């Protein structure tokens, strides 16, 4: 799957990694619902770090369609709320 981190670029992620990423996404959703800004910031950073660590960056000149778009690390809780679906940032 091709994942875009807003403001950074794209990475290719193997589907096998989505169990780990979904756990972080569930935590992020719970923190957002409770208004836990500190927890939100910590978990968003962990989620983006995991995507960077587990994924393979695509070249800057690659223009692949992104199947998933994640917010930048400096996104606010309000901005991320606008991106959310009922499943969180990562469907499934």
N, C-alpha and C. Protein backbone atom coordinates (compact mmCIF):
# COMPACT_ATOMS: atom_id res chain seq x y z
N UNK A 1 0.84 -1.17 0.00
CA UNK A 1 0.00 0.00 0.00
C UNK A 1 0.89 1.24 0.00
N UNK A 2 0.47 2.25 -0.75
CA UNK A 2 1.20 3.51 -0.80
C UNK A 2 0.56 4.47 0.21
N UNK A 3 1.39 5.01 1.10
CA UNK A 3 0.94 5.92 2.14
C UNK A 3 1.65 7.26 1.97
N UNK A 4 0.88 8.33 2.02
CA UNK A 4 1.45 9.68 1.96
C UNK A 4 1.37 10.30 3.35
N UNK A 5 2.50 10.85 3.79
CA UNK A 5 2.50 11.69 4.98
C UNK A 5 2.52 13.12 4.46
N UNK A 6 1.49 13.87 4.80
CA UNK A 6 1.35 15.22 4.27
C UNK A 6 2.60 16.04 4.56
N UNK A 7 3.12 16.67 3.51
CA UNK A 7 4.29 17.52 3.64
C UNK A 7 5.61 16.79 3.60
N UNK A 8 5.59 15.44 3.49
CA UNK A 8 6.83 14.67 3.50
C UNK A 8 7.06 13.85 2.24
N UNK A 9 6.07 13.15 1.80
CA UNK A 9 6.24 12.28 0.66
C UNK A 9 5.51 10.96 0.87
N UNK A 10 5.86 9.99 0.05
CA UNK A 10 5.17 8.71 0.06
C UNK A 10 6.10 7.57 0.48
N UNK A 11 5.50 6.56 1.09
CA UNK A 11 6.22 5.32 1.42
C UNK A 11 5.35 4.15 1.00
N UNK A 12 6.02 3.06 0.69
CA UNK A 12 5.31 1.82 0.38
C UNK A 12 5.36 0.95 1.62
N UNK A 13 4.19 0.50 2.06
CA UNK A 13 4.08 -0.32 3.26
C UNK A 13 3.48 -1.67 2.92
N UNK A 14 4.07 -2.70 3.47
CA UNK A 14 3.53 -4.05 3.32
C UNK A 14 2.28 -4.16 4.20
N UNK A 15 1.27 -4.84 3.71
CA UNK A 15 0.01 -4.99 4.45
C UNK A 15 0.21 -5.65 5.82
N UNK A 16 1.26 -6.43 5.97
CA UNK A 16 1.52 -7.12 7.23
C UNK A 16 1.75 -6.16 8.39
N UNK A 17 2.11 -4.93 8.11
CA UNK A 17 2.40 -3.95 9.16
C UNK A 17 1.15 -3.25 9.70
N UNK A 18 0.02 -3.47 9.08
CA UNK A 18 -1.16 -2.71 9.45
C UNK A 18 -1.76 -3.11 10.80
N UNK A 19 -1.46 -4.29 11.29
CA UNK A 19 -1.92 -4.66 12.64
C UNK A 19 -1.30 -3.71 13.66
N UNK A 20 0.01 -3.51 13.56
CA UNK A 20 0.71 -2.59 14.47
C UNK A 20 0.21 -1.16 14.31
N UNK A 21 0.04 -0.73 13.07
CA UNK A 21 -0.40 0.64 12.81
C UNK A 21 -1.84 0.87 13.28
N UNK A 22 -2.68 -0.13 13.13
CA UNK A 22 -4.07 0.01 13.57
C UNK A 22 -4.17 0.16 15.09
N UNK A 23 -3.28 -0.48 15.84
CA UNK A 23 -3.27 -0.31 17.30
C UNK A 23 -2.98 1.15 17.66
N UNK A 24 -1.99 1.73 16.99
CA UNK A 24 -1.67 3.14 17.23
C UNK A 24 -2.82 4.04 16.80
N UNK A 25 -3.46 3.70 15.70
CA UNK A 25 -4.58 4.47 15.20
C UNK A 25 -5.74 4.43 16.19
N UNK A 26 -6.00 3.26 16.79
CA UNK A 26 -7.06 3.14 17.80
C UNK A 26 -6.75 4.01 19.02
N UNK A 27 -5.48 4.02 19.45
CA UNK A 27 -5.07 4.87 20.57
C UNK A 27 -5.29 6.34 20.22
N UNK A 28 -4.89 6.71 19.02
CA UNK A 28 -5.03 8.10 18.57
C UNK A 28 -6.50 8.52 18.58
N UNK A 29 -7.36 7.67 18.10
CA UNK A 29 -8.79 7.96 18.05
C UNK A 29 -9.34 8.15 19.47
N UNK A 30 -8.95 7.29 20.40
CA UNK A 30 -9.42 7.41 21.78
C UNK A 30 -8.94 8.71 22.41
N UNK A 31 -7.70 9.08 22.14
CA UNK A 31 -7.15 10.32 22.69
C UNK A 31 -7.85 11.54 22.10
N UNK A 32 -8.18 11.46 20.85
CA UNK A 32 -8.89 12.57 20.22
C UNK A 32 -10.29 12.71 20.80
N UNK A 33 -10.97 11.58 21.00
CA UNK A 33 -12.32 11.61 21.53
C UNK A 33 -12.35 12.16 22.95
N UNK A 34 -11.30 11.89 23.72
CA UNK A 34 -11.25 12.36 25.10
C UNK A 34 -10.65 13.76 25.22
N UNK A 35 -10.12 14.29 24.11
CA UNK A 35 -9.49 15.61 24.13
C UNK A 35 -8.11 15.62 24.76
N UNK A 36 -7.46 14.46 24.81
CA UNK A 36 -6.13 14.34 25.41
C UNK A 36 -5.08 14.82 24.41
N UNK A 37 -4.81 16.12 24.42
CA UNK A 37 -3.90 16.71 23.45
C UNK A 37 -2.48 16.16 23.58
N UNK A 38 -2.00 15.98 24.81
CA UNK A 38 -0.65 15.45 25.01
C UNK A 38 -0.54 14.01 24.50
N UNK A 39 -1.53 13.18 24.81
CA UNK A 39 -1.54 11.80 24.32
C UNK A 39 -1.67 11.75 22.81
N UNK A 40 -2.51 12.62 22.26
CA UNK A 40 -2.68 12.71 20.81
C UNK A 40 -1.34 13.00 20.13
N UNK A 41 -0.63 13.99 20.64
CA UNK A 41 0.65 14.38 20.04
C UNK A 41 1.65 13.23 20.11
N UNK A 42 1.72 12.55 21.26
CA UNK A 42 2.64 11.43 21.46
C UNK A 42 2.30 10.27 20.50
N UNK A 43 1.02 9.94 20.39
CA UNK A 43 0.62 8.81 19.55
C UNK A 43 0.73 9.13 18.07
N UNK A 44 0.41 10.36 17.68
CA UNK A 44 0.58 10.74 16.27
C UNK A 44 2.05 10.62 15.88
N UNK A 45 2.93 11.08 16.74
CA UNK A 45 4.37 10.96 16.48
C UNK A 45 4.78 9.50 16.35
N UNK A 46 4.28 8.65 17.25
CA UNK A 46 4.60 7.22 17.20
C UNK A 46 4.07 6.58 15.92
N UNK A 47 2.86 6.95 15.51
CA UNK A 47 2.28 6.40 14.28
C UNK A 47 3.11 6.79 13.06
N UNK A 48 3.45 8.05 12.95
CA UNK A 48 4.24 8.51 11.80
C UNK A 48 5.64 7.90 11.83
N UNK A 49 6.25 7.78 13.01
CA UNK A 49 7.56 7.14 13.12
C UNK A 49 7.50 5.69 12.67
N UNK A 50 6.42 4.99 13.04
CA UNK A 50 6.27 3.59 12.63
C UNK A 50 6.13 3.48 11.12
N UNK A 51 5.37 4.37 10.50
CA UNK A 51 5.22 4.36 9.04
C UNK A 51 6.57 4.59 8.38
N UNK A 52 7.32 5.54 8.89
CA UNK A 52 8.65 5.82 8.32
C UNK A 52 9.60 4.63 8.50
N UNK A 53 9.54 4.01 9.67
CA UNK A 53 10.44 2.89 9.99
C UNK A 53 10.09 1.63 9.19
N UNK A 54 8.81 1.36 9.04
CA UNK A 54 8.37 0.12 8.40
C UNK A 54 8.24 0.24 6.89
N UNK A 55 8.10 1.46 6.40
CA UNK A 55 7.88 1.67 4.98
C UNK A 55 9.17 1.91 4.22
N UNK A 56 9.05 1.79 2.92
CA UNK A 56 10.16 2.08 2.01
C UNK A 56 9.82 3.37 1.28
N UNK A 57 10.64 4.42 1.47
CA UNK A 57 10.33 5.70 0.81
C UNK A 57 10.35 5.56 -0.71
N UNK A 58 9.39 6.21 -1.34
CA UNK A 58 9.38 6.28 -2.80
C UNK A 58 10.22 7.49 -3.21
N UNK A 59 10.82 7.44 -4.39
CA UNK A 59 11.60 8.58 -4.86
C UNK A 59 10.74 9.84 -4.93
N UNK A 60 11.35 10.99 -4.73
CA UNK A 60 10.63 12.26 -4.74
C UNK A 60 9.88 12.50 -6.05
N UNK A 61 10.41 11.97 -7.16
CA UNK A 61 9.77 12.20 -8.45
C UNK A 61 8.69 11.17 -8.77
N UNK A 62 8.45 10.20 -7.87
CA UNK A 62 7.40 9.20 -8.07
C UNK A 62 6.04 9.83 -7.75
N UNK A 63 5.08 9.59 -8.60
CA UNK A 63 3.74 10.12 -8.38
C UNK A 63 2.74 8.97 -8.39
N UNK A 64 2.82 8.13 -7.38
CA UNK A 64 1.90 7.00 -7.24
C UNK A 64 0.63 7.48 -6.53
N UNK A 65 -0.52 6.90 -6.89
CA UNK A 65 -1.73 7.26 -6.14
C UNK A 65 -1.62 6.75 -4.70
N UNK A 66 -1.88 7.61 -3.74
CA UNK A 66 -1.81 7.24 -2.33
C UNK A 66 -3.12 6.59 -1.91
N UNK A 67 -3.02 5.43 -1.29
CA UNK A 67 -4.21 4.74 -0.80
C UNK A 67 -4.58 5.20 0.60
N UNK A 68 -3.64 5.85 1.26
CA UNK A 68 -3.85 6.34 2.61
C UNK A 68 -3.06 7.64 2.77
N UNK A 69 -3.68 8.65 3.35
CA UNK A 69 -3.01 9.93 3.58
C UNK A 69 -3.05 10.22 5.07
N UNK A 70 -1.87 10.43 5.64
CA UNK A 70 -1.74 10.71 7.06
C UNK A 70 -1.34 12.17 7.25
N UNK A 71 -1.76 12.76 8.36
CA UNK A 71 -1.41 14.17 8.61
C UNK A 71 0.08 14.33 8.91
N UNK A 72 0.56 15.54 8.80
CA UNK A 72 1.94 15.84 9.16
C UNK A 72 2.10 15.78 10.67
N UNK A 73 3.33 15.71 11.11
CA UNK A 73 3.61 15.59 12.55
C UNK A 73 3.21 16.83 13.33
N UNK A 74 3.06 17.96 12.66
CA UNK A 74 2.68 19.18 13.37
C UNK A 74 1.19 19.50 13.25
N UNK A 75 0.40 18.54 12.75
CA UNK A 75 -1.04 18.76 12.61
C UNK A 75 -1.68 18.88 14.00
N UNK A 76 -2.68 19.72 14.08
CA UNK A 76 -3.38 19.90 15.35
C UNK A 76 -4.46 18.84 15.51
N UNK A 77 -4.93 18.71 16.73
CA UNK A 77 -6.01 17.77 17.01
C UNK A 77 -7.24 18.11 16.16
N UNK A 78 -7.55 19.38 16.01
CA UNK A 78 -8.69 19.82 15.21
C UNK A 78 -8.50 19.46 13.74
N UNK A 79 -7.31 19.66 13.21
CA UNK A 79 -7.04 19.33 11.80
C UNK A 79 -7.18 17.83 11.56
N UNK A 80 -6.71 17.03 12.49
CA UNK A 80 -6.79 15.59 12.32
C UNK A 80 -8.23 15.11 12.45
N UNK A 81 -9.01 15.74 13.32
CA UNK A 81 -10.43 15.37 13.43
C UNK A 81 -11.13 15.49 12.08
N UNK A 82 -10.75 16.49 11.31
CA UNK A 82 -11.36 16.71 10.00
C UNK A 82 -11.00 15.61 8.99
N UNK A 83 -9.87 14.93 9.21
CA UNK A 83 -9.43 13.86 8.31
C UNK A 83 -10.03 12.51 8.66
N UNK A 84 -10.55 12.38 9.87
CA UNK A 84 -10.97 11.08 10.38
C UNK A 84 -12.23 10.55 9.73
N UNK A 85 -12.25 9.23 9.59
CA UNK A 85 -13.48 8.52 9.27
C UNK A 85 -13.90 7.82 10.57
N UNK A 86 -14.96 7.06 10.53
CA UNK A 86 -15.39 6.32 11.72
C UNK A 86 -14.35 5.31 12.17
N UNK A 87 -13.48 4.88 11.26
CA UNK A 87 -12.45 3.89 11.56
C UNK A 87 -11.14 4.51 12.03
N UNK A 88 -11.05 5.82 12.09
CA UNK A 88 -9.80 6.48 12.42
C UNK A 88 -9.09 6.91 11.15
N UNK A 89 -7.80 7.11 11.25
CA UNK A 89 -7.01 7.52 10.08
C UNK A 89 -6.76 6.34 9.15
N UNK A 90 -6.63 5.14 9.75
CA UNK A 90 -6.33 3.93 8.98
C UNK A 90 -7.56 3.05 8.96
N UNK A 91 -8.20 2.88 7.81
CA UNK A 91 -9.40 2.04 7.74
C UNK A 91 -9.08 0.60 8.09
N UNK A 92 -10.04 -0.04 8.71
CA UNK A 92 -9.90 -1.48 8.98
C UNK A 92 -9.72 -1.84 10.40
